[in-house]
PDB file of N, CA and C in Angstrom:
ATOM      1  N   MET A   1     165.493  63.822  81.621  1.00  0.00           N
ATOM      2  CA  MET A   1     165.653  63.707  83.034  1.00  0.00           C
ATOM      3  C   MET A   1     165.707  62.233  83.435  1.00  0.00           C
ATOM      4  N   ARG A   2     164.708  61.465  83.010  1.00  0.00           N
ATOM      5  CA  ARG A   2     164.702  60.048  83.376  1.00  0.00           C
ATOM      6  C   ARG A   2     165.836  59.302  82.689  1.00  0.00           C
ATOM      7  N   ALA A   3     166.187  59.681  81.475  1.00  0.00           N
ATOM      8  CA  ALA A   3     167.247  58.993  80.755  1.00  0.00           C
ATOM      9  C   ALA A   3     168.623  59.547  81.120  1.00  0.00           C
ATOM     10  N   GLY A   4     168.649  60.574  81.972  1.00  0.00           N
ATOM     11  CA  GLY A   4     169.914  61.149  82.398  1.00  0.00           C
ATOM     12  C   GLY A   4     170.512  62.118  81.396  1.00  0.00           C
ATOM     13  N   LYS A   5     169.754  62.470  80.357  1.00  0.00           N
ATOM     14  CA  LYS A   5     170.287  63.369  79.337  1.00  0.00           C
ATOM     15  C   LYS A   5     170.118  64.840  79.712  1.00  0.00           C
ATOM     16  N   ILE A   6     169.094  65.145  80.503  1.00  0.00           N
ATOM     17  CA  ILE A   6     168.861  66.522  80.927  1.00  0.00           C
ATOM     18  C   ILE A   6     168.973  66.548  82.445  1.00  0.00           C
ATOM     19  N   PRO A   7     169.979  67.248  82.975  1.00  0.00           N
ATOM     20  CA  PRO A   7     170.188  67.221  84.415  1.00  0.00           C
ATOM     21  C   PRO A   7     169.147  68.024  85.202  1.00  0.00           C
ATOM     22  N   GLY A   8     168.495  68.989  84.577  1.00  0.00           N
ATOM     23  CA  GLY A   8     167.579  69.860  85.307  1.00  0.00           C
ATOM     24  C   GLY A   8     166.132  69.585  84.965  1.00  0.00           C
ATOM     25  N   PRO A   9     165.320  70.588  85.155  1.00  0.00           N
ATOM     26  CA  PRO A   9     163.892  70.399  84.888  1.00  0.00           C
ATOM     27  C   PRO A   9     163.638  70.137  83.404  1.00  0.00           C
ATOM     28  N   CYS A  10     162.553  69.464  83.151  1.00  0.00           N
ATOM     29  CA  CYS A  10     162.194  69.128  81.780  1.00  0.00           C
ATOM     30  C   CYS A  10     160.933  69.883  81.425  1.00  0.00           C
ATOM     31  N   PRO A  11     160.816  70.643  80.378  1.00  0.00           N
ATOM     32  CA  PRO A  11     161.887  70.889  79.419  1.00  0.00           C
ATOM     33  C   PRO A  11     162.880  71.913  79.942  1.00  0.00           C
ATOM     34  N   ASP A  12     164.014  71.932  79.322  1.00  0.00           N
ATOM     35  CA  ASP A  12     165.062  72.873  79.678  1.00  0.00           C
ATOM     36  C   ASP A  12     164.588  74.279  79.314  1.00  0.00           C
ATOM     37  N   ALA A  13     164.349  75.128  80.308  1.00  0.00           N
ATOM     38  CA  ALA A  13     163.813  76.474  80.086  1.00  0.00           C
ATOM     39  C   ALA A  13     164.705  77.311  79.169  1.00  0.00           C
ATOM     40  N   ALA A  14     166.007  77.103  79.240  1.00  0.00           N
ATOM     41  CA  ALA A  14     166.929  77.871  78.397  1.00  0.00           C
ATOM     42  C   ALA A  14     166.708  77.572  76.914  1.00  0.00           C
ATOM     43  N   LYS A  15     166.225  76.364  76.605  1.00  0.00           N
ATOM     44  CA  LYS A  15     165.956  76.002  75.219  1.00  0.00           C
ATOM     45  C   LYS A  15     164.492  76.242  74.865  1.00  0.00           C
ATOM     46  N   ALA A  16     163.593  75.977  75.797  1.00  0.00           N
ATOM     47  CA  ALA A  16     162.162  76.081  75.518  1.00  0.00           C
ATOM     48  C   ALA A  16     161.707  77.524  75.347  1.00  0.00           C
ATOM     49  N   ALA A  17     162.153  78.426  76.196  1.00  0.00           N
ATOM     50  CA  ALA A  17     161.689  79.812  76.156  1.00  0.00           C
ATOM     51  C   ALA A  17     161.945  80.484  74.803  1.00  0.00           C
ATOM     52  N   PRO A  18     163.155  80.400  74.245  1.00  0.00           N
ATOM     53  CA  PRO A  18     163.377  81.015  72.929  1.00  0.00           C
ATOM     54  C   PRO A  18     162.539  80.358  71.823  1.00  0.00           C
ATOM     55  N   ALA A  19     162.356  79.043  71.894  1.00  0.00           N
ATOM     56  CA  ALA A  19     161.553  78.345  70.882  1.00  0.00           C
ATOM     57  C   ALA A  19     160.092  78.779  70.959  1.00  0.00           C
ATOM     58  N   ILE A  20     159.584  78.929  72.167  1.00  0.00           N
ATOM     59  CA  ILE A  20     158.203  79.392  72.346  1.00  0.00           C
ATOM     60  C   ILE A  20     158.061  80.829  71.866  1.00  0.00           C
ATOM     61  N   ALA A  21     159.021  81.676  72.181  1.00  0.00           N
ATOM     62  CA  ALA A  21     158.985  83.074  71.734  1.00  0.00           C
ATOM     63  C   ALA A  21     159.016  83.163  70.210  1.00  0.00           C
ATOM     64  N   GLN A  22     159.824  82.334  69.577  1.00  0.00           N
ATOM     65  CA  GLN A  22     159.915  82.330  68.119  1.00  0.00           C
ATOM     66  C   GLN A  22     158.600  81.853  67.498  1.00  0.00           C
ATOM     67  N   ALA A  23     157.996  80.829  68.060  1.00  0.00           N
ATOM     68  CA  ALA A  23     156.716  80.331  67.553  1.00  0.00           C
ATOM     69  C   ALA A  23     155.618  81.379  67.728  1.00  0.00           C
ATOM     70  N   THR A  24     155.621  82.071  68.851  1.00  0.00           N
ATOM     71  CA  THR A  24     154.638  83.135  69.093  1.00  0.00           C
ATOM     72  C   THR A  24     154.809  84.262  68.084  1.00  0.00           C
ATOM     73  N   ALA A  25     156.030  84.638  67.808  1.00  0.00           N
ATOM     74  CA  ALA A  25     156.290  85.705  66.836  1.00  0.00           C
ATOM     75  C   ALA A  25     155.822  85.303  65.435  1.00  0.00           C
ATOM     76  N   ARG A  26     156.057  84.047  65.054  1.00  0.00           N
ATOM     77  CA  ARG A  26     155.590  83.566  63.744  1.00  0.00           C
ATOM     78  C   ARG A  26     154.069  83.559  63.678  1.00  0.00           C
ATOM     79  N   PHE A  27     153.420  83.144  64.754  1.00  0.00           N
ATOM     80  CA  PHE A  27     151.963  83.134  64.846  1.00  0.00           C
ATOM     81  C   PHE A  27     151.407  84.547  64.661  1.00  0.00           C
ATOM     82  N   GLU A  28     151.957  85.514  65.402  1.00  0.00           N
ATOM     83  CA  GLU A  28     151.482  86.893  65.315  1.00  0.00           C
ATOM     84  C   GLU A  28     151.762  87.482  63.934  1.00  0.00           C
ATOM     85  N   ALA A  29     152.899  87.178  63.341  1.00  0.00           N
ATOM     86  CA  ALA A  29     153.232  87.686  62.011  1.00  0.00           C
ATOM     87  C   ALA A  29     152.295  87.113  60.947  1.00  0.00           C
ATOM     88  N   ALA A  30     151.916  85.852  61.081  1.00  0.00           N
ATOM     89  CA  ALA A  30     150.994  85.239  60.113  1.00  0.00           C
ATOM     90  C   ALA A  30     149.620  85.891  60.182  1.00  0.00           C
ATOM     91  N   ILE A  31     149.140  86.164  61.385  1.00  0.00           N
ATOM     92  CA  ILE A  31     147.847  86.847  61.527  1.00  0.00           C
ATOM     93  C   ILE A  31     147.953  88.258  60.972  1.00  0.00           C
ATOM     94  N   ALA A  32     149.019  88.957  61.286  1.00  0.00           N
ATOM     95  CA  ALA A  32     149.196  90.326  60.799  1.00  0.00           C
ATOM     96  C   ALA A  32     149.247  90.368  59.271  1.00  0.00           C
ATOM     97  N   LYS A  33     149.931  89.419  58.674  1.00  0.00           N
ATOM     98  CA  LYS A  33     150.031  89.381  57.209  1.00  0.00           C
ATOM     99  C   LYS A  33     148.667  89.145  56.572  1.00  0.00           C
ATOM    100  N   ALA A  34     147.868  88.283  57.168  1.00  0.00           N
ATOM    101  CA  ALA A  34     146.568  87.934  56.596  1.00  0.00           C
ATOM    102  C   ALA A  34     145.468  88.927  56.935  1.00  0.00           C
ATOM    103  N   CYS A  35     145.578  89.594  58.082  1.00  0.00           N
ATOM    104  CA  CYS A  35     144.418  90.345  58.584  1.00  0.00           C
ATOM    105  C   CYS A  35     144.664  91.808  58.931  1.00  0.00           C
ATOM    106  N   CYS A  36     145.889  92.276  58.855  1.00  0.00           N
ATOM    107  CA  CYS A  36     146.182  93.619  59.367  1.00  0.00           C
ATOM    108  C   CYS A  36     146.615  94.598  58.285  1.00  0.00           C
ATOM    109  N   GLY A  37     146.021  94.501  57.138  1.00  0.00           N
ATOM    110  CA  GLY A  37     146.253  95.468  56.078  1.00  0.00           C
ATOM    111  C   GLY A  37     147.608  95.347  55.405  1.00  0.00           C
ATOM    112  N   LYS A  38     147.802  96.239  54.448  1.00  0.00           N
ATOM    113  CA  LYS A  38     149.028  96.206  53.639  1.00  0.00           C
ATOM    114  C   LYS A  38     150.287  96.427  54.478  1.00  0.00           C
ATOM    115  N   ASN A  39     150.169  97.231  55.531  1.00  0.00           N
ATOM    116  CA  ASN A  39     151.345  97.501  56.370  1.00  0.00           C
ATOM    117  C   ASN A  39     151.640  96.363  57.357  1.00  0.00           C
ATOM    118  N   THR A  40     150.782  95.363  57.412  1.00  0.00           N
ATOM    119  CA  THR A  40     150.887  94.202  58.315  1.00  0.00           C
ATOM    120  C   THR A  40     151.125  94.598  59.772  1.00  0.00           C
ATOM    121  N   THR A  41     150.592  95.746  60.159  1.00  0.00           N
ATOM    122  CA  THR A  41     150.663  96.217  61.530  1.00  0.00           C
ATOM    123  C   THR A  41     149.248  96.269  62.083  1.00  0.00           C
ATOM    124  N   CYS A  42     148.981  95.492  63.104  1.00  0.00           N
ATOM    125  CA  CYS A  42     147.648  95.470  63.700  1.00  0.00           C
ATOM    126  C   CYS A  42     147.474  96.700  64.581  1.00  0.00           C
ATOM    127  N   ALA A  43     146.635  97.632  64.134  1.00  0.00           N
ATOM    128  CA  ALA A  43     146.369  98.859  64.884  1.00  0.00           C
ATOM    129  C   ALA A  43     144.959  99.339  64.561  1.00  0.00           C
ATOM    130  N   LEU A  44     144.206  99.687  65.589  1.00  0.00           N
ATOM    131  CA  LEU A  44     142.817 100.107  65.403  1.00  0.00           C
ATOM    132  C   LEU A  44     142.683 101.319  64.499  1.00  0.00           C
ATOM    133  N   GLY A  45     143.643 102.225  64.506  1.00  0.00           N
ATOM    134  CA  GLY A  45     143.535 103.468  63.759  1.00  0.00           C
ATOM    135  C   GLY A  45     143.877 103.370  62.278  1.00  0.00           C
ATOM    136  N   ASP A  46     144.323 102.230  61.812  1.00  0.00           N
ATOM    137  CA  ASP A  46     144.692 102.105  60.402  1.00  0.00           C
ATOM    138  C   ASP A  46     143.465 102.264  59.501  1.00  0.00           C
ATOM    139  N   SER A  47     143.698 102.847  58.330  1.00  0.00           N
ATOM    140  CA  SER A  47     142.600 103.017  57.376  1.00  0.00           C
ATOM    141  C   SER A  47     143.115 102.769  55.963  1.00  0.00           C
ATOM    142  N   GLY A  48     142.199 102.766  55.019  1.00  0.00           N
ATOM    143  CA  GLY A  48     142.563 102.531  53.632  1.00  0.00           C
ATOM    144  C   GLY A  48     143.151 101.143  53.453  1.00  0.00           C
ATOM    145  N   ALA A  49     144.221 101.061  52.675  1.00  0.00           N
ATOM    146  CA  ALA A  49     144.858  99.765  52.394  1.00  0.00           C
ATOM    147  C   ALA A  49     145.470  99.143  53.649  1.00  0.00           C
ATOM    148  N   ASP A  50     145.725  99.948  54.679  1.00  0.00           N
ATOM    149  CA  ASP A  50     146.321  99.449  55.915  1.00  0.00           C
ATOM    150  C   ASP A  50     145.280  99.017  56.950  1.00  0.00           C
ATOM    151  N   ARG A  51     144.002  99.168  56.631  1.00  0.00           N
ATOM    152  CA  ARG A  51     142.926  98.847  57.577  1.00  0.00           C
ATOM    153  C   ARG A  51     142.938  97.367  57.926  1.00  0.00           C
ATOM    154  N   ASP A  52     142.774  97.094  59.224  1.00  0.00           N
ATOM    155  CA  ASP A  52     142.706  95.712  59.708  1.00  0.00           C
ATOM    156  C   ASP A  52     141.325  95.126  59.440  1.00  0.00           C
ATOM    157  N   VAL A  53     141.271  93.821  59.287  1.00  0.00           N
ATOM    158  CA  VAL A  53     140.001  93.116  59.240  1.00  0.00           C
ATOM    159  C   VAL A  53     139.379  93.254  60.627  1.00  0.00           C
ATOM    160  N   GLU A  54     138.077  93.471  60.694  1.00  0.00           N
ATOM    161  CA  GLU A  54     137.369  93.605  61.969  1.00  0.00           C
ATOM    162  C   GLU A  54     136.936  92.215  62.413  1.00  0.00           C
ATOM    163  N   PRO A  55     137.547  91.684  63.492  1.00  0.00           N
ATOM    164  CA  PRO A  55     137.308  90.285  63.851  1.00  0.00           C
ATOM    165  C   PRO A  55     135.870  89.954  64.247  1.00  0.00           C
ATOM    166  N   VAL A  56     135.141  90.878  64.840  1.00  0.00           N
ATOM    167  CA  VAL A  56     133.775  90.590  65.272  1.00  0.00           C
ATOM    168  C   VAL A  56     132.807  90.764  64.109  1.00  0.00           C
ATOM    169  N   ALA A  57     132.798  91.943  63.479  1.00  0.00           N
ATOM    170  CA  ALA A  57     131.827  92.247  62.422  1.00  0.00           C
ATOM    171  C   ALA A  57     132.112  91.513  61.113  1.00  0.00           C
ATOM    172  N   GLU A  58     133.367  91.397  60.732  1.00  0.00           N
ATOM    173  CA  GLU A  58     133.698  90.827  59.426  1.00  0.00           C
ATOM    174  C   GLU A  58     134.000  89.327  59.460  1.00  0.00           C
ATOM    175  N   VAL A  59     134.574  88.850  60.555  1.00  0.00           N
ATOM    176  CA  VAL A  59     134.982  87.455  60.626  1.00  0.00           C
ATOM    177  C   VAL A  59     133.975  86.621  61.418  1.00  0.00           C
ATOM    178  N   GLY A  60     133.337  87.229  62.406  1.00  0.00           N
ATOM    179  CA  GLY A  60     132.340  86.520  63.188  1.00  0.00           C
ATOM    180  C   GLY A  60     132.816  85.993  64.528  1.00  0.00           C
ATOM    181  N   PHE A  61     133.950  86.482  65.012  1.00  0.00           N
ATOM    182  CA  PHE A  61     134.386  86.096  66.346  1.00  0.00           C
ATOM    183  C   PHE A  61     133.434  86.697  67.371  1.00  0.00           C
ATOM    184  N   PRO A  62     133.286  86.061  68.528  1.00  0.00           N
ATOM    185  CA  PRO A  62     132.439  86.642  69.568  1.00  0.00           C
ATOM    186  C   PRO A  62     133.041  87.967  70.056  1.00  0.00           C
ATOM    187  N   PRO A  63     132.217  88.860  70.597  1.00  0.00           N
ATOM    188  CA  PRO A  63     132.724  90.160  71.022  1.00  0.00           C
ATOM    189  C   PRO A  63     133.573  90.140  72.290  1.00  0.00           C
ATOM    190  N   THR A  64     133.600  89.001  72.979  1.00  0.00           N
ATOM    191  CA  THR A  64     134.437  88.893  74.178  1.00  0.00           C
ATOM    192  C   THR A  64     135.290  87.636  74.108  1.00  0.00           C
ATOM    193  N   CYS A  65     136.438  87.727  74.725  1.00  0.00           N
ATOM    194  CA  CYS A  65     137.335  86.573  74.835  1.00  0.00           C
ATOM    195  C   CYS A  65     136.938  85.830  76.086  1.00  0.00           C
ATOM    196  N   ASP A  66     136.316  84.679  75.913  1.00  0.00           N
ATOM    197  CA  ASP A  66     135.950  83.887  77.081  1.00  0.00           C
ATOM    198  C   ASP A  66     136.684  82.552  77.095  1.00  0.00           C
ATOM    199  N   ALA A  67     137.610  82.393  76.186  1.00  0.00           N
ATOM    200  CA  ALA A  67     138.454  81.192  76.173  1.00  0.00           C
ATOM    201  C   ALA A  67     139.489  81.325  77.278  1.00  0.00           C
ATOM    202  N   GLY A  68     139.818  80.240  77.908  1.00  0.00           N
ATOM    203  CA  GLY A  68     140.867  80.273  78.915  1.00  0.00           C
ATOM    204  C   GLY A  68     140.413  80.745  80.277  1.00  0.00           C
ATOM    205  N   GLY A  69     139.128  80.700  80.533  1.00  0.00           N
ATOM    206  CA  GLY A  69     138.635  81.081  81.848  1.00  0.00           C
ATOM    207  C   GLY A  69     138.757  82.567  82.127  1.00  0.00           C
ATOM    208  N   SER A  70     138.618  82.924  83.378  1.00  0.00           N
ATOM    209  CA  SER A  70     138.593  84.333  83.768  1.00  0.00           C
ATOM    210  C   SER A  70     139.909  85.056  83.488  1.00  0.00           C
ATOM    211  N   ALA A  71     140.999  84.339  83.385  1.00  0.00           N
ATOM    212  CA  ALA A  71     142.296  84.967  83.133  1.00  0.00           C
ATOM    213  C   ALA A  71     142.342  85.670  81.782  1.00  0.00           C
ATOM    214  N   CYS A  72     141.521  85.234  80.839  1.00  0.00           N
ATOM    215  CA  CYS A  72     141.570  85.772  79.487  1.00  0.00           C
ATOM    216  C   CYS A  72     140.382  86.664  79.139  1.00  0.00           C
ATOM    217  N   GLU A  73     139.453  86.876  80.052  1.00  0.00           N
ATOM    218  CA  GLU A  73     138.260  87.662  79.746  1.00  0.00           C
ATOM    219  C   GLU A  73     138.642  89.075  79.317  1.00  0.00           C
ATOM    220  N   ALA A  74     138.173  89.463  78.143  1.00  0.00           N
ATOM    221  CA  ALA A  74     138.429  90.799  77.611  1.00  0.00           C
ATOM    222  C   ALA A  74     137.499  91.038  76.428  1.00  0.00           C
ATOM    223  N   THR A  75     137.285  92.300  76.105  1.00  0.00           N
ATOM    224  CA  THR A  75     136.482  92.656  74.946  1.00  0.00           C
ATOM    225  C   THR A  75     137.361  92.611  73.707  1.00  0.00           C
ATOM    226  N   ILE A  76     136.836  92.036  72.629  1.00  0.00           N
ATOM    227  CA  ILE A  76     137.565  91.996  71.359  1.00  0.00           C
ATOM    228  C   ILE A  76     137.254  93.300  70.631  1.00  0.00           C
ATOM    229  N   THR A  77     138.254  94.169  70.546  1.00  0.00           N
ATOM    230  CA  THR A  77     138.076  95.471  69.908  1.00  0.00           C
ATOM    231  C   THR A  77     138.755  95.559  68.551  1.00  0.00           C
ATOM    232  N   GLY A  78     139.612  94.625  68.238  1.00  0.00           N
ATOM    233  CA  GLY A  78     140.342  94.622  66.977  1.00  0.00           C
ATOM    234  C   GLY A  78     141.279  93.436  66.931  1.00  0.00           C
ATOM    235  N   MET A  79     142.120  93.407  65.921  1.00  0.00           N
ATOM    236  CA  MET A  79     143.029  92.283  65.742  1.00  0.00           C
ATOM    237  C   MET A  79     144.021  92.147  66.901  1.00  0.00           C
ATOM    238  N   GLU A  80     144.474  93.271  67.462  1.00  0.00           N
ATOM    239  CA  GLU A  80     145.420  93.189  68.584  1.00  0.00           C
ATOM    240  C   GLU A  80     144.801  92.443  69.765  1.00  0.00           C
ATOM    241  N   SER A  81     143.564  92.771  70.098  1.00  0.00           N
ATOM    242  CA  SER A  81     142.920  92.110  71.238  1.00  0.00           C
ATOM    243  C   SER A  81     142.575  90.658  70.909  1.00  0.00           C
ATOM    244  N   LEU A  82     142.315  90.356  69.639  1.00  0.00           N
ATOM    245  CA  LEU A  82     142.056  88.972  69.254  1.00  0.00           C
ATOM    246  C   LEU A  82     143.336  88.137  69.385  1.00  0.00           C
ATOM    247  N   ILE A  83     144.460  88.673  68.961  1.00  0.00           N
ATOM    248  CA  ILE A  83     145.741  87.986  69.114  1.00  0.00           C
ATOM    249  C   ILE A  83     146.033  87.763  70.597  1.00  0.00           C
ATOM    250  N   ALA A  84     145.781  88.774  71.430  1.00  0.00           N
ATOM    251  CA  ALA A  84     145.996  88.633  72.877  1.00  0.00           C
ATOM    252  C   ALA A  84     145.103  87.536  73.448  1.00  0.00           C
ATOM    253  N   CYS A  85     143.862  87.440  72.959  1.00  0.00           N
ATOM    254  CA  CYS A  85     142.938  86.395  73.401  1.00  0.00           C
ATOM    255  C   CYS A  85     143.487  85.016  73.034  1.00  0.00           C
ATOM    256  N   PHE A  86     143.913  84.840  71.789  1.00  0.00           N
ATOM    257  CA  PHE A  86     144.466  83.555  71.343  1.00  0.00           C
ATOM    258  C   PHE A  86     145.687  83.169  72.183  1.00  0.00           C
ATOM    259  N   THR A  87     146.566  84.141  72.403  1.00  0.00           N
ATOM    260  CA  THR A  87     147.786  83.884  73.163  1.00  0.00           C
ATOM    261  C   THR A  87     147.456  83.482  74.602  1.00  0.00           C
ATOM    262  N   CYS A  88     146.547  84.206  75.224  1.00  0.00           N
ATOM    263  CA  CYS A  88     146.157  83.905  76.596  1.00  0.00           C
ATOM    264  C   CYS A  88     145.493  82.533  76.687  1.00  0.00           C
ATOM    265  N   ALA A  89     144.568  82.253  75.775  1.00  0.00           N
ATOM    266  CA  ALA A  89     143.864  80.967  75.800  1.00  0.00           C
ATOM    267  C   ALA A  89     144.825  79.805  75.591  1.00  0.00           C
ATOM    268  N   THR A  90     145.791  79.971  74.696  1.00  0.00           N
ATOM    269  CA  THR A  90     146.774  78.917  74.456  1.00  0.00           C
ATOM    270  C   THR A  90     147.622  78.690  75.701  1.00  0.00           C
ATOM    271  N   ARG A  91     148.091  79.782  76.321  1.00  0.00           N
ATOM    272  CA  ARG A  91     148.891  79.669  77.541  1.00  0.00           C
ATOM    273  C   ARG A  91     148.072  78.969  78.634  1.00  0.00           C
ATOM    274  N   HIS A  92     146.820  79.368  78.766  1.00  0.00           N
ATOM    275  CA  HIS A  92     145.934  78.762  79.766  1.00  0.00           C
ATOM    276  C   HIS A  92     145.786  77.261  79.519  1.00  0.00           C
ATOM    277  N   ASP A  93     145.530  76.883  78.265  1.00  0.00           N
ATOM    278  CA  ASP A  93     145.346  75.469  77.940  1.00  0.00           C
ATOM    279  C   ASP A  93     146.597  74.649  78.239  1.00  0.00           C
ATOM    280  N   VAL A  94     147.753  75.190  77.898  1.00  0.00           N
ATOM    281  CA  VAL A  94     149.012  74.489  78.161  1.00  0.00           C
ATOM    282  C   VAL A  94     149.213  74.314  79.663  1.00  0.00           C
ATOM    283  N   GLU A  95     148.960  75.365  80.435  1.00  0.00           N
ATOM    284  CA  GLU A  95     149.140  75.280  81.884  1.00  0.00           C
ATOM    285  C   GLU A  95     148.181  74.259  82.496  1.00  0.00           C
ATOM    286  N   CYS A  96     146.933  74.213  81.995  1.00  0.00           N
ATOM    287  CA  CYS A  96     145.957  73.275  82.554  1.00  0.00           C
ATOM    288  C   CYS A  96     146.279  71.835  82.158  1.00  0.00           C
ATOM    289  N   VAL A  97     146.742  71.625  80.934  1.00  0.00           N
ATOM    290  CA  VAL A  97     147.127  70.273  80.520  1.00  0.00           C
ATOM    291  C   VAL A  97     148.327  69.811  81.347  1.00  0.00           C
ATOM    292  N   THR A  98     149.270  70.700  81.576  1.00  0.00           N
ATOM    293  CA  THR A  98     150.435  70.356  82.389  1.00  0.00           C
ATOM    294  C   THR A  98     150.007  70.010  83.816  1.00  0.00           C
ATOM    295  N   ALA A  99     149.116  70.841  84.378  1.00  0.00           N
ATOM    296  CA  ALA A  99     148.655  70.590  85.745  1.00  0.00           C
ATOM    297  C   ALA A  99     147.913  69.260  85.843  1.00  0.00           C
ATOM    298  N   ALA A 100     147.123  68.930  84.818  1.00  0.00           N
ATOM    299  CA  ALA A 100     146.362  67.682  84.839  1.00  0.00           C
ATOM    300  C   ALA A 100     147.268  66.463  84.651  1.00  0.00           C
ATOM    301  N   SER A 101     148.292  66.607  83.818  1.00  0.00           N
ATOM    302  CA  SER A 101     149.140  65.454  83.525  1.00  0.00           C
ATOM    303  C   SER A 101     150.261  65.261  84.546  1.00  0.00           C
ATOM    304  N   LEU A 102     150.606  66.309  85.272  1.00  0.00           N
ATOM    305  CA  LEU A 102     151.669  66.226  86.280  1.00  0.00           C
ATOM    306  C   LEU A 102     151.179  66.782  87.615  1.00  0.00           C
ATOM    307  N   PRO A 103     150.127  66.192  88.191  1.00  0.00           N
ATOM    308  CA  PRO A 103     149.543  66.758  89.409  1.00  0.00           C
ATOM    309  C   PRO A 103     150.511  66.838  90.585  1.00  0.00           C
ATOM    310  N   MET A 104     151.511  65.976  90.602  1.00  0.00           N
ATOM    311  CA  MET A 104     152.461  66.013  91.711  1.00  0.00           C
ATOM    312  C   MET A 104     153.360  67.247  91.656  1.00  0.00           C
ATOM    313  N   LEU A 105     153.423  67.911  90.495  1.00  0.00           N
ATOM    314  CA  LEU A 105     154.250  69.109  90.357  1.00  0.00           C
ATOM    315  C   LEU A 105     153.446  70.393  90.468  1.00  0.00           C
ATOM    316  N   VAL A 106     152.121  70.313  90.325  1.00  0.00           N
ATOM    317  CA  VAL A 106     151.271  71.500  90.349  1.00  0.00           C
ATOM    318  C   VAL A 106     150.250  71.323  91.473  1.00  0.00           C
ATOM    319  N   VAL A 107     150.607  71.816  92.653  1.00  0.00           N
ATOM    320  CA  VAL A 107     149.729  71.694  93.813  1.00  0.00           C
ATOM    321  C   VAL A 107     149.529  73.089  94.380  1.00  0.00           C
ATOM    322  N   PRO A 108     148.325  73.538  94.606  1.00  0.00           N
ATOM    323  CA  PRO A 108     147.076  72.878  94.292  1.00  0.00           C
ATOM    324  C   PRO A 108     146.733  73.029  92.810  1.00  0.00           C
ATOM    325  N   TYR A 109     145.805  72.192  92.352  1.00  0.00           N
ATOM    326  CA  TYR A 109     145.344  72.255  90.967  1.00  0.00           C
ATOM    327  C   TYR A 109     144.675  73.615  90.762  1.00  0.00           C
ATOM    328  N   PRO A 110     145.043  74.372  89.706  1.00  0.00           N
ATOM    329  CA  PRO A 110     144.487  75.715  89.500  1.00  0.00           C
ATOM    330  C   PRO A 110     142.972  75.705  89.322  1.00  0.00           C
ATOM    331  N   ALA A 111     142.274  76.554  90.061  1.00  0.00           N
ATOM    332  CA  ALA A 111     140.807  76.626  90.009  1.00  0.00           C
ATOM    333  C   ALA A 111     140.310  76.980  88.611  1.00  0.00           C
ATOM    334  N   GLU A 112     141.056  77.819  87.879  1.00  0.00           N
ATOM    335  CA  GLU A 112     140.612  78.235  86.545  1.00  0.00           C
ATOM    336  C   GLU A 112     140.677  77.097  85.520  1.00  0.00           C
ATOM    337  N   CYS A 113     141.260  75.970  85.901  1.00  0.00           N
ATOM    338  CA  CYS A 113     141.340  74.828  84.987  1.00  0.00           C
ATOM    339  C   CYS A 113     140.157  73.875  85.119  1.00  0.00           C
ATOM    340  N   ASP A 114     139.307  74.094  86.117  1.00  0.00           N
ATOM    341  CA  ASP A 114     138.136  73.221  86.304  1.00  0.00           C
ATOM    342  C   ASP A 114     137.140  73.365  85.185  1.00  0.00           C
TER     343      ASP A 114
END
């Protein structure tokens, strides 16, 4: 924008959105491969070789998602809810960093970022 190379908002949403979606898919696939059984599908009902790792009892994550303020509050019931917690907390952190670094574009400053 400042150098005149991008005529619109920075970053270009048409380029950023697909890149973010691809990174999110890779993130979820990596967790599923490592923690969601042989079928790599995160589902509470899986059993046997397809059973998911239990994030609270086996890994030691807290039983609630309290990262990212009230927007992300939820009970961790399995790998699916843990992935949702990570995704929400990451989105929250990015939004708060953006609001803090570009206050002239984010008015008013979001209360959940305090």
